[in-house]
């Protein structure tokens, strides 16, 4: 295996790990990290890319993104509700004033990114 492939596989594993953590930690956005992992795996290892496309939790998003069909409206709504619930809860529980603008910026950025993605009618 070439160095380039190893680096892209390692970056893909890191991105997928961060995306997995983002499922339960609203500060980390799941979708961009999973898509980054898909890109890295497609360069580093076609076998890992195929595996990711067929995983139960992430495959659906990778396939929809690559085919251009978009994200279902309900998934967008659920994602944004969960995101903002987690962000507001974090703001209330942490009691750090400097963290509020950081979490707001993350929330606004992720919200804009999700809204910019195509919506499917599924």
C-alpha atoms as a PDB file:
ATOM      1  CA  UNK A   1       0.000   0.000   0.000  1.00  0.00           C
ATOM      2  CA  UNK A   2       1.353   3.422  -0.944  1.00  0.00           C
ATOM      3  CA  UNK A   3       1.907   6.211   1.571  1.00  0.00           C
ATOM      4  CA  UNK A   4      -0.841   8.301  -0.058  1.00  0.00           C
ATOM      5  CA  UNK A   5      -3.355   5.473   0.373  1.00  0.00           C
ATOM      6  CA  UNK A   6      -2.333   4.921   3.992  1.00  0.00           C
ATOM      7  CA  UNK A   7      -2.713   8.626   4.783  1.00  0.00           C
ATOM      8  CA  UNK A   8      -6.134   8.842   3.162  1.00  0.00           C
ATOM      9  CA  UNK A   9      -7.288   5.687   4.964  1.00  0.00           C
ATOM     10  CA  UNK A  10      -6.046   7.070   8.293  1.00  0.00           C
ATOM     11  CA  UNK A  11      -7.767  10.402   7.650  1.00  0.00           C
ATOM     12  CA  UNK A  12     -10.939   8.520   6.692  1.00  0.00           C
ATOM     13  CA  UNK A  13     -10.860   6.528   9.931  1.00  0.00           C
ATOM     14  CA  UNK A  14     -10.348   9.748  11.918  1.00  0.00           C
ATOM     15  CA  UNK A  15     -13.220  11.483  10.094  1.00  0.00           C
ATOM     16  CA  UNK A  16     -15.517   8.494  10.587  1.00  0.00           C
ATOM     17  CA  UNK A  17     -14.616   8.376  14.278  1.00  0.00           C
ATOM     18  CA  UNK A  18     -15.432  12.083  14.677  1.00  0.00           C
ATOM     19  CA  UNK A  19     -18.668  11.590  12.744  1.00  0.00           C
ATOM     20  CA  UNK A  20     -19.616   8.694  15.001  1.00  0.00           C
ATOM     21  CA  UNK A  21     -18.942  10.789  18.086  1.00  0.00           C
ATOM     22  CA  UNK A  22     -21.040  13.533  16.501  1.00  0.00           C
ATOM     23  CA  UNK A  23     -24.080  11.262  16.655  1.00  0.00           C
ATOM     24  CA  UNK A  24     -24.217  11.722  20.429  1.00  0.00           C
ATOM     25  CA  UNK A  25     -22.241  14.964  20.833  1.00  0.00           C
ATOM     26  CA  UNK A  26     -24.080  17.808  19.073  1.00  0.00           C
ATOM     27  CA  UNK A  27     -21.004  20.048  18.872  1.00  0.00           C
ATOM     28  CA  UNK A  28     -19.516  17.739  16.205  1.00  0.00           C
ATOM     29  CA  UNK A  29     -21.490  17.580  12.959  1.00  0.00           C
ATOM     30  CA  UNK A  30     -21.920  13.986  11.807  1.00  0.00           C
ATOM     31  CA  UNK A  31     -22.712  14.397   8.118  1.00  0.00           C
ATOM     32  CA  UNK A  32     -19.649  16.401   6.995  1.00  0.00           C
ATOM     33  CA  UNK A  33     -17.282  14.018   8.783  1.00  0.00           C
ATOM     34  CA  UNK A  34     -18.966  10.944   7.289  1.00  0.00           C
ATOM     35  CA  UNK A  35     -18.843  12.490   3.821  1.00  0.00           C
ATOM     36  CA  UNK A  36     -15.171  13.359   4.345  1.00  0.00           C
ATOM     37  CA  UNK A  37     -14.544   9.745   5.360  1.00  0.00           C
ATOM     38  CA  UNK A  38     -16.260   8.610   2.167  1.00  0.00           C
ATOM     39  CA  UNK A  39     -14.057  10.857   0.056  1.00  0.00           C
ATOM     40  CA  UNK A  40     -10.897   9.732   1.862  1.00  0.00           C
ATOM     41  CA  UNK A  41     -11.815   6.063   1.561  1.00  0.00           C
ATOM     42  CA  UNK A  42     -12.615   6.440  -2.139  1.00  0.00           C
ATOM     43  CA  UNK A  43      -9.044   7.689  -2.670  1.00  0.00           C
ATOM     44  CA  UNK A  44      -7.263   5.468  -0.153  1.00  0.00           C
ATOM     45  CA  UNK A  45      -9.165   2.200  -0.392  1.00  0.00           C
ATOM     46  CA  UNK A  46     -12.070   1.390  -2.713  1.00  0.00           C
ATOM     47  CA  UNK A  47     -12.834  -1.598  -0.460  1.00  0.00           C
ATOM     48  CA  UNK A  48     -13.308   0.653   2.598  1.00  0.00           C
ATOM     49  CA  UNK A  49     -15.377   3.051   0.501  1.00  0.00           C
ATOM     50  CA  UNK A  50     -17.705   0.237  -0.537  1.00  0.00           C
ATOM     51  CA  UNK A  51     -17.908  -0.950   3.072  1.00  0.00           C
ATOM     52  CA  UNK A  52     -18.874   2.557   4.236  1.00  0.00           C
ATOM     53  CA  UNK A  53     -21.527   2.852   1.519  1.00  0.00           C
ATOM     54  CA  UNK A  54     -23.157  -0.327   2.811  1.00  0.00           C
ATOM     55  CA  UNK A  55     -23.011   0.299   6.562  1.00  0.00           C
ATOM     56  CA  UNK A  56     -26.337   0.415   8.344  1.00  0.00           C
ATOM     57  CA  UNK A  57     -25.947   3.862   9.884  1.00  0.00           C
ATOM     58  CA  UNK A  58     -23.968   5.817   7.294  1.00  0.00           C
ATOM     59  CA  UNK A  59     -24.429   4.092   3.939  1.00  0.00           C
ATOM     60  CA  UNK A  60     -27.749   5.749   3.211  1.00  0.00           C
ATOM     61  CA  UNK A  61     -26.259   9.246   3.548  1.00  0.00           C
ATOM     62  CA  UNK A  62     -23.200   8.465   1.429  1.00  0.00           C
ATOM     63  CA  UNK A  63     -25.297   6.931  -1.354  1.00  0.00           C
ATOM     64  CA  UNK A  64     -27.793   9.813  -1.358  1.00  0.00           C
ATOM     65  CA  UNK A  65     -25.024  12.399  -1.390  1.00  0.00           C
ATOM     66  CA  UNK A  66     -23.139  10.695  -4.245  1.00  0.00           C
ATOM     67  CA  UNK A  67     -26.251  10.138  -6.334  1.00  0.00           C
ATOM     68  CA  UNK A  68     -27.478  13.691  -5.728  1.00  0.00           C
ATOM     69  CA  UNK A  69     -30.902  12.589  -4.484  1.00  0.00           C
ATOM     70  CA  UNK A  70     -30.563  14.663  -1.314  1.00  0.00           C
ATOM     71  CA  UNK A  71     -31.580  14.248   2.294  1.00  0.00           C
ATOM     72  CA  UNK A  72     -35.207  13.498   3.214  1.00  0.00           C
ATOM     73  CA  UNK A  73     -37.054  16.443   4.757  1.00  0.00           C
ATOM     74  CA  UNK A  74     -37.810  14.486   7.934  1.00  0.00           C
ATOM     75  CA  UNK A  75     -34.144  13.629   8.450  1.00  0.00           C
ATOM     76  CA  UNK A  76     -33.205  17.297   8.060  1.00  0.00           C
ATOM     77  CA  UNK A  77     -35.884  18.324  10.564  1.00  0.00           C
ATOM     78  CA  UNK A  78     -34.862  15.637  13.058  1.00  0.00           C
ATOM     79  CA  UNK A  79     -31.178  16.515  12.695  1.00  0.00           C
ATOM     80  CA  UNK A  80     -31.741  20.221  13.286  1.00  0.00           C
ATOM     81  CA  UNK A  81     -34.029  19.640  16.277  1.00  0.00           C
ATOM     82  CA  UNK A  82     -31.522  17.274  17.880  1.00  0.00           C
ATOM     83  CA  UNK A  83     -28.656  19.655  17.098  1.00  0.00           C
ATOM     84  CA  UNK A  84     -30.290  22.712  18.655  1.00  0.00           C
ATOM     85  CA  UNK A  85     -31.628  20.781  21.639  1.00  0.00           C
ATOM     86  CA  UNK A  86     -28.118  19.545  22.380  1.00  0.00           C
ATOM     87  CA  UNK A  87     -26.543  22.959  21.850  1.00  0.00           C
ATOM     88  CA  UNK A  88     -29.006  24.767  24.105  1.00  0.00           C
ATOM     89  CA  UNK A  89     -28.683  22.056  26.745  1.00  0.00           C
ATOM     90  CA  UNK A  90     -24.895  22.417  26.573  1.00  0.00           C
ATOM     91  CA  UNK A  91     -25.161  26.197  26.948  1.00  0.00           C
ATOM     92  CA  UNK A  92     -27.366  25.858  30.021  1.00  0.00           C
ATOM     93  CA  UNK A  93     -25.420  23.084  31.742  1.00  0.00           C
ATOM     94  CA  UNK A  94     -21.867  24.275  31.156  1.00  0.00           C
ATOM     95  CA  UNK A  95     -22.286  27.841  32.513  1.00  0.00           C
ATOM     96  CA  UNK A  96     -19.370  29.240  30.490  1.00  0.00           C
ATOM     97  CA  UNK A  97     -20.255  32.565  28.905  1.00  0.00           C
ATOM     98  CA  UNK A  98     -17.495  32.332  26.268  1.00  0.00           C
ATOM     99  CA  UNK A  99     -18.918  28.989  25.091  1.00  0.00           C
ATOM    100  CA  UNK A 100     -22.313  30.439  24.092  1.00  0.00           C
ATOM    101  CA  UNK A 101     -21.090  32.306  20.974  1.00  0.00           C
ATOM    102  CA  UNK A 102     -18.952  29.296  19.979  1.00  0.00           C
ATOM    103  CA  UNK A 103     -21.936  26.940  20.193  1.00  0.00           C
ATOM    104  CA  UNK A 104     -24.154  29.450  18.393  1.00  0.00           C
ATOM    105  CA  UNK A 105     -21.595  29.743  15.576  1.00  0.00           C
ATOM    106  CA  UNK A 106     -21.355  25.949  15.287  1.00  0.00           C
ATOM    107  CA  UNK A 107     -25.144  25.642  15.302  1.00  0.00           C
ATOM    108  CA  UNK A 108     -25.623  28.329  12.660  1.00  0.00           C
ATOM    109  CA  UNK A 109     -22.876  26.869  10.470  1.00  0.00           C
ATOM    110  CA  UNK A 110     -24.261  23.333  10.642  1.00  0.00           C
ATOM    111  CA  UNK A 111     -27.823  24.592  10.096  1.00  0.00           C
ATOM    112  CA  UNK A 112     -26.771  26.531   6.993  1.00  0.00           C
ATOM    113  CA  UNK A 113     -24.855  23.507   5.693  1.00  0.00           C
ATOM    114  CA  UNK A 114     -27.835  21.202   6.167  1.00  0.00           C
ATOM    115  CA  UNK A 115     -30.206  23.690   4.540  1.00  0.00           C
ATOM    116  CA  UNK A 116     -27.841  24.067   1.597  1.00  0.00           C
ATOM    117  CA  UNK A 117     -28.036  20.351   0.836  1.00  0.00           C
ATOM    118  CA  UNK A 118     -30.675  19.148  -1.585  1.00  0.00           C
ATOM    119  CA  UNK A 119     -33.920  17.895   0.001  1.00  0.00           C
ATOM    120  CA  UNK A 120     -35.518  14.703  -1.267  1.00  0.00           C
ATOM    121  CA  UNK A 121     -39.237  13.931  -1.011  1.00  0.00           C
ATOM    122  CA  UNK A 122     -38.780  10.475   0.522  1.00  0.00           C
END
